[in-house]
Protein backbone atom coordinates (compact mmCIF):
# COMPACT_ATOMS: atom_id res chain seq x y z
CA UNK A 1 -77.20 15.43 -142.54
CA UNK A 2 -77.41 11.70 -141.87
CA UNK A 3 -79.99 10.16 -144.24
CA UNK A 4 -83.07 8.45 -142.88
CA UNK A 5 -82.75 4.71 -142.36
CA UNK A 6 -85.66 2.37 -142.89
CA UNK A 7 -84.87 -0.96 -141.27
CA UNK A 8 -86.99 -4.02 -142.03
CA UNK A 9 -86.85 -6.85 -139.48
CA UNK A 10 -87.17 -10.34 -140.99
CA UNK A 11 -89.94 -12.45 -139.48
CA UNK A 12 -88.78 -14.89 -136.82
CA UNK A 13 -90.63 -18.13 -136.25
CA UNK A 14 -90.35 -21.61 -134.73
CA UNK A 15 -91.60 -25.05 -135.79
CA UNK A 16 -93.70 -25.54 -132.67
CA UNK A 17 -97.10 -24.01 -131.92
CA UNK A 18 -97.95 -21.27 -129.42
CA UNK A 19 -99.51 -22.34 -126.12
CA UNK A 20 -100.87 -20.41 -123.15
CA UNK A 21 -102.00 -21.26 -119.65
CA UNK A 22 -105.75 -20.92 -119.03
CA UNK A 23 -105.05 -18.95 -115.83
CA UNK A 24 -103.19 -16.15 -117.65
CA UNK A 25 -105.68 -13.35 -116.89
CA UNK A 26 -105.87 -14.01 -113.16
CA UNK A 27 -102.13 -14.46 -112.80
CA UNK A 28 -101.34 -11.25 -114.66
CA UNK A 29 -103.73 -9.31 -112.40
CA UNK A 30 -102.13 -10.95 -109.38
CA UNK A 31 -98.66 -9.86 -110.43
CA UNK A 32 -99.77 -6.28 -111.09
CA UNK A 33 -101.22 -6.24 -107.56
CA UNK A 34 -98.00 -7.77 -106.15
CA UNK A 35 -95.87 -5.08 -107.80
CA UNK A 36 -98.14 -2.41 -106.29
CA UNK A 37 -98.06 -4.03 -102.85
CA UNK A 38 -94.28 -3.74 -102.72
CA UNK A 39 -94.24 -0.25 -104.25
CA UNK A 40 -91.86 -1.33 -107.00
CA UNK A 41 -92.64 1.44 -109.48
CA UNK A 42 -92.29 5.21 -109.10
CA UNK A 43 -95.66 6.52 -110.28
CA UNK A 44 -99.10 5.68 -111.66
CA UNK A 45 -97.95 6.02 -115.25
CA UNK A 46 -95.31 3.35 -114.65
CA UNK A 47 -97.92 1.01 -113.15
CA UNK A 48 -100.18 1.51 -116.17
CA UNK A 49 -97.31 0.73 -118.51
CA UNK A 50 -96.36 -2.36 -116.49
CA UNK A 51 -99.95 -3.61 -116.64
CA UNK A 52 -100.12 -2.94 -120.39
CA UNK A 53 -96.88 -4.87 -120.97
CA UNK A 54 -98.76 -8.06 -120.08
CA UNK A 55 -95.93 -9.79 -118.25
CA UNK A 56 -98.29 -12.37 -116.76
CA UNK A 57 -99.16 -13.47 -120.28
CA UNK A 58 -95.49 -14.07 -121.04
CA UNK A 59 -95.29 -16.36 -118.01
CA UNK A 60 -98.52 -18.10 -119.02
CA UNK A 61 -97.10 -18.75 -122.49
CA UNK A 62 -93.86 -20.07 -121.05
CA UNK A 63 -95.55 -22.37 -118.53
CA UNK A 64 -98.80 -23.52 -120.15
CA UNK A 65 -99.44 -26.49 -117.84
CA UNK A 66 -98.54 -24.98 -114.45
CA UNK A 67 -101.04 -24.88 -111.60
CA UNK A 68 -102.35 -21.39 -110.69
CA UNK A 69 -100.33 -21.01 -107.48
CA UNK A 70 -97.15 -22.21 -109.20
CA UNK A 71 -97.75 -19.89 -112.14
CA UNK A 72 -98.35 -16.95 -109.79
CA UNK A 73 -95.03 -17.43 -108.05
CA UNK A 74 -93.25 -17.74 -111.40
CA UNK A 75 -94.99 -14.59 -112.65
CA UNK A 76 -93.96 -12.61 -109.57
CA UNK A 77 -90.38 -13.81 -110.02
CA UNK A 78 -90.45 -12.71 -113.65
CA UNK A 79 -91.71 -9.29 -112.54
CA UNK A 80 -88.90 -8.96 -110.02
CA UNK A 81 -86.27 -9.92 -112.60
CA UNK A 82 -87.69 -7.54 -115.21
CA UNK A 83 -87.86 -4.63 -112.77
CA UNK A 84 -84.34 -5.27 -111.48
CA UNK A 85 -83.11 -5.33 -115.08
CA UNK A 86 -84.99 -2.13 -115.87
CA UNK A 87 -83.16 -0.53 -112.97
CA UNK A 88 -79.91 -1.43 -114.72
CA UNK A 89 -81.01 -0.83 -118.30
CA UNK A 90 -83.07 2.33 -118.12
CA UNK A 91 -81.99 4.29 -115.05
CA UNK A 92 -78.95 6.36 -114.17
CA UNK A 93 -77.80 3.56 -111.84
CA UNK A 94 -77.37 1.36 -114.91
CA UNK A 95 -74.40 3.54 -115.86
CA UNK A 96 -72.91 3.49 -112.36
CA UNK A 97 -71.56 -0.06 -111.81
CA UNK A 98 -70.33 0.64 -108.26
CA UNK A 99 -73.79 1.69 -107.02
CA UNK A 100 -75.44 -1.19 -108.83
CA UNK A 101 -72.95 -3.67 -107.35
CA UNK A 102 -73.57 -2.49 -103.78
CA UNK A 103 -77.33 -2.80 -104.20
CA UNK A 104 -76.98 -6.23 -105.78
CA UNK A 105 -74.82 -7.51 -102.93
CA UNK A 106 -77.61 -6.60 -100.52
CA UNK A 107 -80.15 -8.44 -102.70
CA UNK A 108 -77.98 -11.55 -102.67
CA UNK A 109 -77.70 -11.35 -98.87
CA UNK A 110 -81.49 -11.41 -98.64
CA UNK A 111 -81.82 -14.28 -101.10
CA UNK A 112 -79.34 -16.22 -98.96
CA UNK A 113 -81.32 -15.67 -95.75
CA UNK A 114 -80.96 -12.11 -94.42
CA UNK A 115 -84.03 -10.12 -93.40
CA UNK A 116 -84.97 -6.86 -95.08
CA UNK A 117 -85.42 -3.75 -92.92
CA UNK A 118 -86.70 -0.20 -93.40
CA UNK A 119 -83.39 0.92 -94.92
CA UNK A 120 -83.74 -1.53 -97.80
CA UNK A 121 -85.17 -0.64 -101.20
CA UNK A 122 -88.55 -2.07 -102.30
CA UNK A 123 -86.86 -4.65 -104.54
CA UNK A 124 -85.23 -6.13 -101.44
CA UNK A 125 -88.55 -6.51 -99.59
CA UNK A 126 -90.13 -8.07 -102.68
CA UNK A 127 -87.23 -10.52 -102.96
CA UNK A 128 -87.68 -11.52 -99.32
CA UNK A 129 -91.31 -12.36 -100.10
CA UNK A 130 -90.23 -14.48 -103.08
CA UNK A 131 -87.62 -16.29 -101.00
CA UNK A 132 -90.10 -17.16 -98.26
CA UNK A 133 -92.63 -18.46 -100.77
CA UNK A 134 -89.97 -20.47 -102.59
CA UNK A 135 -88.80 -22.10 -99.37
CA UNK A 136 -92.28 -23.61 -99.01
CA UNK A 137 -91.58 -25.57 -102.20
CA UNK A 138 -88.23 -26.76 -100.89
CA UNK A 139 -90.07 -28.13 -97.86
CA UNK A 140 -92.90 -29.61 -99.94
CA UNK A 141 -90.56 -31.58 -102.20
CA UNK A 142 -88.07 -32.38 -99.44
CA UNK A 143 -85.28 -30.60 -101.31
CA UNK A 144 -81.97 -29.83 -99.66
CA UNK A 145 -80.27 -26.45 -99.52
CA UNK A 146 -78.35 -27.50 -102.63
CA UNK A 147 -81.33 -26.40 -104.72
CA UNK A 148 -81.41 -22.96 -103.13
CA UNK A 149 -77.66 -22.61 -103.58
CA UNK A 150 -78.06 -23.41 -107.27
CA UNK A 151 -80.66 -20.67 -107.58
CA UNK A 152 -78.49 -18.18 -105.69
CA UNK A 153 -75.58 -19.01 -108.01
CA UNK A 154 -77.77 -18.42 -111.07
CA UNK A 155 -78.98 -15.08 -109.68
CA UNK A 156 -75.42 -14.05 -108.77
CA UNK A 157 -74.17 -14.88 -112.28
CA UNK A 158 -77.03 -12.89 -113.76
CA UNK A 159 -76.39 -9.85 -111.57
CA UNK A 160 -72.65 -9.98 -112.28
CA UNK A 161 -73.40 -10.12 -116.00
CA UNK A 162 -75.65 -7.07 -115.74
CA UNK A 163 -72.78 -5.25 -114.00
CA UNK A 164 -70.69 -6.06 -117.08
CA UNK A 165 -73.44 -4.46 -119.15
CA UNK A 166 -73.45 -1.42 -116.86
CA UNK A 167 -69.69 -1.02 -117.27
CA UNK A 168 -70.11 -1.11 -121.05
CA UNK A 169 -72.76 1.62 -120.82
CA UNK A 170 -70.65 3.73 -118.49
CA UNK A 171 -67.74 3.64 -120.95
CA UNK A 172 -70.02 3.81 -124.02
CA UNK A 173 -68.16 0.71 -125.21
CA UNK A 174 -69.75 -1.79 -127.59
CA UNK A 175 -68.56 -5.27 -126.54
CA UNK A 176 -66.84 -7.60 -129.00
CA UNK A 177 -68.93 -10.37 -130.52
CA UNK A 178 -67.18 -13.23 -128.70
CA UNK A 179 -67.69 -11.64 -125.29
CA UNK A 180 -71.26 -10.70 -126.08
CA UNK A 181 -72.29 -14.18 -127.19
CA UNK A 182 -70.71 -15.62 -124.03
CA UNK A 183 -72.37 -13.13 -121.70
CA UNK A 184 -75.81 -12.73 -123.29
CA UNK A 185 -77.41 -15.90 -121.83
CA UNK A 186 -76.30 -14.74 -118.38
CA UNK A 187 -77.70 -11.23 -118.82
CA UNK A 188 -80.95 -12.80 -120.06
CA UNK A 189 -81.37 -14.67 -116.77
CA UNK A 190 -82.81 -17.79 -118.39
CA UNK A 191 -80.85 -20.13 -116.14
CA UNK A 192 -82.65 -18.54 -113.17
CA UNK A 193 -85.99 -19.49 -114.65
CA UNK A 194 -84.75 -23.03 -115.32
CA UNK A 195 -83.75 -23.43 -111.67
CA UNK A 196 -87.10 -22.01 -110.53
CA UNK A 197 -89.04 -24.44 -112.70
CA UNK A 198 -87.26 -27.43 -111.18
CA UNK A 199 -87.98 -26.20 -107.65
CA UNK A 200 -91.55 -24.98 -108.16
CA UNK A 201 -92.84 -27.68 -110.48
CA UNK A 202 -91.01 -30.51 -108.77
CA UNK A 203 -89.22 -32.22 -111.64
CA UNK A 204 -85.49 -32.67 -111.48
CA UNK A 205 -83.03 -33.71 -114.15
CA UNK A 206 -80.12 -35.72 -112.72
CA UNK A 207 -76.84 -33.81 -112.78
CA UNK A 208 -75.27 -36.19 -115.29
CA UNK A 209 -78.16 -35.53 -117.69
CA UNK A 210 -78.07 -31.75 -117.24
CA UNK A 211 -74.34 -31.80 -118.00
CA UNK A 212 -74.54 -34.21 -120.94
CA UNK A 213 -73.09 -32.58 -124.08
CA UNK A 214 -76.34 -32.93 -126.06
CA UNK A 215 -78.50 -31.48 -123.27
CA UNK A 216 -76.09 -28.60 -122.76
CA UNK A 217 -76.13 -27.92 -126.50
CA UNK A 218 -79.93 -27.98 -126.46
CA UNK A 219 -80.13 -25.59 -123.50
CA UNK A 220 -77.50 -23.29 -124.97
CA UNK A 221 -79.29 -23.06 -128.31
CA UNK A 222 -82.59 -22.26 -126.60
CA UNK A 223 -80.95 -19.48 -124.57
CA UNK A 224 -79.34 -17.97 -127.66
CA UNK A 225 -82.60 -18.12 -129.59
CA UNK A 226 -84.61 -16.34 -126.91
CA UNK A 227 -81.96 -13.68 -126.23
CA UNK A 228 -81.19 -12.92 -129.87
CA UNK A 229 -84.86 -12.70 -130.79
CA UNK A 230 -85.31 -10.19 -127.97
CA UNK A 231 -82.33 -8.15 -129.19
CA UNK A 232 -83.77 -7.96 -132.70
CA UNK A 233 -87.30 -7.04 -131.63
CA UNK A 234 -86.21 -4.49 -129.01
CA UNK A 235 -83.64 -2.81 -131.29
CA UNK A 236 -85.37 0.56 -131.79
CA UNK A 237 -86.21 0.88 -128.09
CA UNK A 238 -82.59 0.20 -127.16
CA UNK A 239 -81.11 2.48 -129.82
CA UNK A 240 -83.25 5.33 -128.51
CA UNK A 241 -81.68 5.05 -125.06
CA UNK A 242 -78.16 4.49 -126.40
CA UNK A 243 -77.90 0.82 -125.43
CA UNK A 244 -74.62 -0.80 -126.51
CA UNK A 245 -75.49 -4.32 -125.27
CA UNK A 246 -77.48 -5.60 -128.24
CA UNK A 247 -76.56 -8.25 -130.79
CA UNK A 248 -77.41 -6.02 -133.76
CA UNK A 249 -75.31 -3.15 -132.41
CA UNK A 250 -72.43 -5.53 -131.66
CA UNK A 251 -72.52 -7.05 -135.16
CA UNK A 252 -72.69 -3.62 -136.79
CA UNK A 253 -69.69 -2.41 -134.78
CA UNK A 254 -67.60 -5.58 -135.12
CA UNK A 255 -68.01 -6.13 -138.83
CA UNK A 256 -68.65 -2.54 -140.02
CA UNK A 257 -72.18 -3.37 -141.17
CA UNK A 258 -75.13 -1.10 -141.78
CA UNK A 259 -77.96 -1.58 -139.31
CA UNK A 260 -79.98 -3.42 -141.96
CA UNK A 261 -77.06 -5.75 -142.69
CA UNK A 262 -76.58 -6.33 -138.97
CA UNK A 263 -80.28 -7.08 -138.43
CA UNK A 264 -80.22 -9.58 -141.31
CA UNK A 265 -77.10 -11.25 -139.94
CA UNK A 266 -78.57 -11.45 -136.45
CA UNK A 267 -81.72 -13.05 -137.89
CA UNK A 268 -79.62 -15.64 -139.76
CA UNK A 269 -77.73 -16.44 -136.55
CA UNK A 270 -81.05 -16.83 -134.74
CA UNK A 271 -82.45 -19.14 -137.44
CA UNK A 272 -79.30 -21.27 -137.41
CA UNK A 273 -79.68 -21.78 -133.66
CA UNK A 274 -83.30 -22.85 -134.20
CA UNK A 275 -82.02 -25.58 -136.51
CA UNK A 276 -79.43 -26.64 -133.92
CA UNK A 277 -82.18 -26.90 -131.31
CA UNK A 278 -84.53 -28.91 -133.53
CA UNK A 279 -81.83 -31.31 -134.68
CA UNK A 280 -80.40 -31.81 -131.19
CA UNK A 281 -83.85 -32.42 -129.69
CA UNK A 282 -84.51 -35.10 -132.31
CA UNK A 283 -81.26 -36.91 -131.53
CA UNK A 284 -81.13 -36.90 -127.73
CA UNK A 285 -79.85 -40.16 -126.26
CA UNK A 286 -81.96 -42.31 -123.95
CA UNK A 287 -81.25 -42.21 -120.24
CA UNK A 288 -83.89 -44.77 -119.28
CA UNK A 289 -87.72 -44.48 -119.26
CA UNK A 290 -88.09 -42.46 -116.06
CA UNK A 291 -85.41 -39.90 -116.92
CA UNK A 292 -86.49 -39.74 -120.57
CA UNK A 293 -89.96 -38.65 -119.42
CA UNK A 294 -88.47 -35.82 -117.37
CA UNK A 295 -86.17 -34.86 -120.24
CA UNK A 296 -89.11 -34.74 -122.67
CA UNK A 297 -90.85 -32.36 -120.28
CA UNK A 298 -87.71 -30.23 -120.13
CA UNK A 299 -87.61 -30.02 -123.93
CA UNK A 300 -91.27 -28.98 -124.01
CA UNK A 301 -90.52 -26.25 -121.44
CA UNK A 302 -87.71 -24.90 -123.61
CA UNK A 303 -89.97 -24.93 -126.67
CA UNK A 304 -92.78 -23.12 -124.86
CA UNK A 305 -90.35 -20.56 -123.48
CA UNK A 306 -88.81 -19.72 -126.86
CA UNK A 307 -92.22 -19.51 -128.53
CA UNK A 308 -93.68 -17.57 -125.62
CA UNK A 309 -90.92 -14.97 -125.51
CA UNK A 310 -91.17 -14.42 -129.26
CA UNK A 311 -94.95 -14.07 -129.44
CA UNK A 312 -95.13 -11.92 -126.31
CA UNK A 313 -92.33 -9.66 -127.57
CA UNK A 314 -94.20 -8.99 -130.82
CA UNK A 315 -97.38 -8.12 -128.93
CA UNK A 316 -96.26 -6.48 -125.68
CA UNK A 317 -96.48 -2.74 -125.12
CA UNK A 318 -92.97 -3.04 -123.71
CA UNK A 319 -91.57 -2.96 -127.26
CA UNK A 320 -94.23 -0.94 -129.09
CA UNK A 321 -91.74 1.82 -129.80
CA UNK A 322 -90.35 -0.41 -132.53
CA UNK A 323 -93.39 0.36 -134.67
CA UNK A 324 -92.81 4.12 -134.52
CA UNK A 325 -90.29 6.43 -136.07
CA UNK A 326 -87.64 7.00 -133.41
CA UNK A 327 -84.70 9.37 -133.21
CA UNK A 328 -81.56 7.24 -132.82
CA UNK A 329 -77.92 8.37 -132.60
CA UNK A 330 -77.45 7.35 -136.25
CA UNK A 331 -80.18 9.68 -137.51
CA UNK A 332 -83.85 9.37 -138.31
CA UNK A 333 -84.63 5.70 -137.91
CA UNK A 334 -87.75 3.71 -138.65
CA UNK A 335 -87.84 0.01 -137.80
CA UNK A 336 -90.68 -2.07 -139.18
CA UNK A 337 -91.60 -5.29 -137.39
CA UNK A 338 -93.47 -8.04 -139.24
CA UNK A 339 -97.24 -8.01 -138.70
CA UNK A 340 -98.24 -10.68 -136.17
């Protein structure tokens, strides 16, 4: 018999304070209603769980200064992304890459301008609604189609990365660490949110600033931090459903570590990226007063997003399983999260 394993997760933290938008309650209710309106969940139990997960509060933490209408659109986008990912992560389709790819191609068609019809799934009709609402911002800020193409590219990269995850699940193959670290920011979809913020909130970093080595390093560290924190906190939930796409699982497989050793190593990797972020943010070059103001706002967005994802993940019902004893493939497993 495999002995019981008691895994202790080290506490993760950041040197910047939590923040939350004052419109969080209303926006969360609005997103729950939006999900119902488009019939995105299969039954009443699923709607109750979605409401209890508090997704609108994640968005409110990530965008503490957004206006209510802007925050609502961001929250509905988050809901769509989460529910599309759940389709890949937690359903039978998530182990059938061909079916997932065909559905995703249709979603991309709609994001690029096609109309949804009665043969389309609810996610497609919801995406059409998001596209129409987003186009109002393109008109408001006099943005060209380049901005929409950037968003489509980010969504396409995300969907392709989730197909890579689906192929791993279908083969029951744990990816190697190099591939996983390269793909994880894409599967996390954070670049989609970055593109949405620039369109919805109307601030735009010049291309030469976005592509500057220091800014890219800053963005990359923030993506790693958010994704790796999520992997650590969601470990028990993902082990229960046999997920192979998780940093802890990858480390354990690659380096022949126990789960506790892999959790500790993942936490050290996370903490090292926090230091990279803090040091890089303190040493950013100047691009002139006007651009520096936009860049400072960008840094604050990244800070709020990392902090928001962490605090929400500790508190959300979405990951509550991690406080229970769960039956994992490796035996009786208990994972204890820090008290928050």
